[in-house]
N, C-alpha and C. Protein backbone atom coordinates (compact mmCIF):
# COMPACT_ATOMS: atom_id res chain seq x y z
N MET A 1 20.86 10.71 -5.16
CA MET A 1 19.91 10.95 -4.11
C MET A 1 20.67 11.01 -2.78
N SER A 2 20.27 11.95 -1.94
CA SER A 2 20.98 12.09 -0.67
C SER A 2 20.70 10.89 0.24
N ARG A 3 21.58 10.70 1.18
CA ARG A 3 21.47 9.55 2.09
C ARG A 3 20.16 9.58 2.87
N ILE A 4 19.75 10.76 3.36
CA ILE A 4 18.51 10.85 4.15
C ILE A 4 17.29 10.53 3.29
N LYS A 5 17.29 10.98 2.03
CA LYS A 5 16.17 10.68 1.15
C LYS A 5 16.09 9.19 0.86
N THR A 6 17.23 8.56 0.70
CA THR A 6 17.25 7.11 0.45
C THR A 6 16.70 6.36 1.65
N ILE A 7 17.10 6.76 2.84
CA ILE A 7 16.60 6.12 4.06
C ILE A 7 15.09 6.30 4.17
N LEU A 8 14.62 7.53 3.94
CA LEU A 8 13.19 7.80 4.02
C LEU A 8 12.40 7.04 2.95
N LEU A 9 13.01 6.86 1.80
CA LEU A 9 12.37 6.10 0.73
C LEU A 9 12.15 4.65 1.16
N TYR A 10 13.15 4.05 1.80
CA TYR A 10 13.00 2.68 2.29
C TYR A 10 11.99 2.59 3.44
N VAL A 11 11.94 3.62 4.28
CA VAL A 11 10.94 3.64 5.35
C VAL A 11 9.54 3.69 4.76
N MET A 12 9.34 4.54 3.74
CA MET A 12 8.03 4.64 3.11
C MET A 12 7.67 3.34 2.39
N ALA A 13 8.64 2.73 1.73
CA ALA A 13 8.38 1.46 1.05
C ALA A 13 7.98 0.40 2.07
N ALA A 14 8.63 0.36 3.20
CA ALA A 14 8.27 -0.60 4.25
C ALA A 14 6.86 -0.32 4.78
N ALA A 15 6.51 0.95 4.92
CA ALA A 15 5.17 1.31 5.39
C ALA A 15 4.10 0.84 4.40
N TYR A 16 4.34 1.03 3.12
CA TYR A 16 3.39 0.57 2.10
C TYR A 16 3.29 -0.95 2.10
N ALA A 17 4.41 -1.64 2.24
CA ALA A 17 4.40 -3.11 2.28
C ALA A 17 3.63 -3.59 3.51
N PHE A 18 3.84 -2.92 4.64
CA PHE A 18 3.12 -3.26 5.86
C PHE A 18 1.63 -3.05 5.69
N ALA A 19 1.24 -1.94 5.03
CA ALA A 19 -0.17 -1.67 4.79
C ALA A 19 -0.79 -2.75 3.92
N GLY A 20 -0.07 -3.16 2.88
CA GLY A 20 -0.57 -4.24 2.02
C GLY A 20 -0.73 -5.54 2.78
N PHE A 21 0.25 -5.88 3.62
CA PHE A 21 0.16 -7.10 4.42
C PHE A 21 -0.98 -7.01 5.42
N SER A 22 -1.18 -5.82 6.00
CA SER A 22 -2.25 -5.64 6.98
C SER A 22 -3.62 -5.88 6.36
N HIS A 23 -3.78 -5.51 5.10
CA HIS A 23 -5.05 -5.77 4.42
C HIS A 23 -5.33 -7.27 4.34
N LEU A 24 -4.28 -8.06 4.22
CA LEU A 24 -4.45 -9.51 4.16
C LEU A 24 -4.63 -10.12 5.56
N ALA A 25 -3.89 -9.60 6.52
CA ALA A 25 -3.90 -10.16 7.87
C ALA A 25 -5.17 -9.83 8.64
N SER A 26 -5.75 -8.64 8.39
CA SER A 26 -6.92 -8.21 9.13
C SER A 26 -7.96 -7.60 8.18
N PRO A 27 -8.54 -8.42 7.31
CA PRO A 27 -9.47 -7.87 6.32
C PRO A 27 -10.74 -7.29 6.92
N GLU A 28 -11.18 -7.81 8.07
CA GLU A 28 -12.42 -7.32 8.68
C GLU A 28 -12.32 -5.82 9.01
N PHE A 29 -11.17 -5.40 9.51
CA PHE A 29 -10.99 -3.99 9.86
C PHE A 29 -11.14 -3.11 8.63
N PHE A 30 -10.49 -3.50 7.55
CA PHE A 30 -10.51 -2.66 6.36
C PHE A 30 -11.86 -2.71 5.65
N LEU A 31 -12.53 -3.85 5.68
CA LEU A 31 -13.87 -3.93 5.10
C LEU A 31 -14.86 -3.07 5.89
N ALA A 32 -14.66 -2.99 7.20
CA ALA A 32 -15.57 -2.21 8.04
C ALA A 32 -15.46 -0.70 7.79
N ILE A 33 -14.30 -0.22 7.33
CA ILE A 33 -14.15 1.23 7.14
C ILE A 33 -14.46 1.68 5.71
N ILE A 34 -14.81 0.74 4.83
CA ILE A 34 -15.21 1.11 3.47
C ILE A 34 -16.64 1.65 3.55
N PRO A 35 -16.90 2.85 3.02
CA PRO A 35 -18.25 3.41 3.08
C PRO A 35 -19.27 2.47 2.43
N PRO A 36 -20.47 2.37 3.01
CA PRO A 36 -21.47 1.42 2.51
C PRO A 36 -21.99 1.74 1.11
N ASN A 37 -21.85 2.98 0.66
CA ASN A 37 -22.37 3.33 -0.65
C ASN A 37 -21.41 2.96 -1.79
N LEU A 38 -20.23 2.44 -1.48
CA LEU A 38 -19.31 1.99 -2.51
C LEU A 38 -19.59 0.54 -2.86
N PRO A 39 -19.61 0.23 -4.15
CA PRO A 39 -19.91 -1.16 -4.53
C PRO A 39 -18.71 -2.09 -4.33
N GLU A 40 -18.98 -3.36 -4.16
CA GLU A 40 -17.96 -4.41 -4.09
C GLU A 40 -16.82 -4.11 -3.10
N PRO A 41 -17.11 -4.04 -1.80
CA PRO A 41 -16.05 -3.73 -0.83
C PRO A 41 -14.89 -4.73 -0.86
N GLU A 42 -15.17 -6.01 -1.11
CA GLU A 42 -14.10 -7.01 -1.15
C GLU A 42 -13.15 -6.73 -2.32
N LEU A 43 -13.70 -6.35 -3.45
CA LEU A 43 -12.88 -6.03 -4.62
C LEU A 43 -12.04 -4.77 -4.37
N LEU A 44 -12.62 -3.78 -3.70
CA LEU A 44 -11.87 -2.56 -3.37
C LEU A 44 -10.71 -2.87 -2.43
N LYS A 45 -10.94 -3.78 -1.47
CA LYS A 45 -9.87 -4.16 -0.54
C LYS A 45 -8.74 -4.86 -1.29
N GLN A 46 -9.09 -5.74 -2.22
CA GLN A 46 -8.06 -6.43 -3.00
C GLN A 46 -7.27 -5.44 -3.85
N GLY A 47 -7.95 -4.44 -4.40
CA GLY A 47 -7.27 -3.40 -5.18
C GLY A 47 -6.30 -2.61 -4.32
N ALA A 48 -6.68 -2.33 -3.08
CA ALA A 48 -5.80 -1.60 -2.18
C ALA A 48 -4.54 -2.41 -1.88
N ILE A 49 -4.68 -3.72 -1.74
CA ILE A 49 -3.52 -4.58 -1.49
C ILE A 49 -2.55 -4.50 -2.67
N VAL A 50 -3.09 -4.61 -3.87
CA VAL A 50 -2.25 -4.56 -5.07
C VAL A 50 -1.54 -3.22 -5.18
N LEU A 51 -2.26 -2.12 -4.95
CA LEU A 51 -1.65 -0.80 -5.06
C LEU A 51 -0.57 -0.57 -4.01
N CYS A 52 -0.81 -0.98 -2.78
CA CYS A 52 0.19 -0.80 -1.72
C CYS A 52 1.46 -1.59 -2.03
N ASN A 53 1.29 -2.83 -2.44
CA ASN A 53 2.46 -3.66 -2.72
C ASN A 53 3.21 -3.18 -3.96
N ARG A 54 2.49 -2.70 -4.96
CA ARG A 54 3.15 -2.18 -6.16
C ARG A 54 3.95 -0.92 -5.84
N ALA A 55 3.36 -0.04 -5.03
CA ALA A 55 4.06 1.18 -4.63
C ALA A 55 5.32 0.83 -3.84
N ALA A 56 5.22 -0.12 -2.93
CA ALA A 56 6.39 -0.52 -2.15
C ALA A 56 7.48 -1.09 -3.04
N SER A 57 7.08 -1.87 -4.03
CA SER A 57 8.05 -2.47 -4.95
C SER A 57 8.79 -1.40 -5.76
N TYR A 58 8.06 -0.44 -6.29
CA TYR A 58 8.70 0.62 -7.05
C TYR A 58 9.63 1.46 -6.17
N MET A 59 9.18 1.77 -4.97
CA MET A 59 10.01 2.59 -4.08
C MET A 59 11.29 1.86 -3.69
N ALA A 60 11.19 0.56 -3.46
CA ALA A 60 12.36 -0.20 -3.06
C ALA A 60 13.39 -0.25 -4.19
N GLN A 61 12.94 -0.07 -5.42
CA GLN A 61 13.86 -0.08 -6.57
C GLN A 61 14.35 1.32 -6.91
N ASN A 62 14.00 2.31 -6.09
CA ASN A 62 14.39 3.71 -6.31
C ASN A 62 13.90 4.25 -7.66
N LYS A 63 12.73 3.81 -8.07
CA LYS A 63 12.14 4.29 -9.32
C LYS A 63 10.96 5.19 -8.99
N PRO A 64 10.72 6.21 -9.80
CA PRO A 64 9.51 7.01 -9.57
C PRO A 64 8.28 6.20 -9.94
N ILE A 65 7.20 6.41 -9.22
CA ILE A 65 5.96 5.70 -9.49
C ILE A 65 5.29 6.35 -10.69
N PRO A 66 4.98 5.57 -11.73
CA PRO A 66 4.34 6.17 -12.90
C PRO A 66 2.93 6.64 -12.58
N ALA A 67 2.53 7.72 -13.22
CA ALA A 67 1.20 8.28 -12.95
C ALA A 67 0.13 7.52 -13.68
């Protein structure tokens, strides 16, 4: 992998990790933007945390994210 791609991969991984942390640090903001017609907003927020942190973990290991 080229040097620039590696750098960008770490930047993206950091962005995903930051997004996951932000869901924990400021849950009110994220709960407020979930559309009211979706069920269980708290559960959806927790799922977003897991997905963001998992994506960051895979990217930091230079592995492709499985579909």
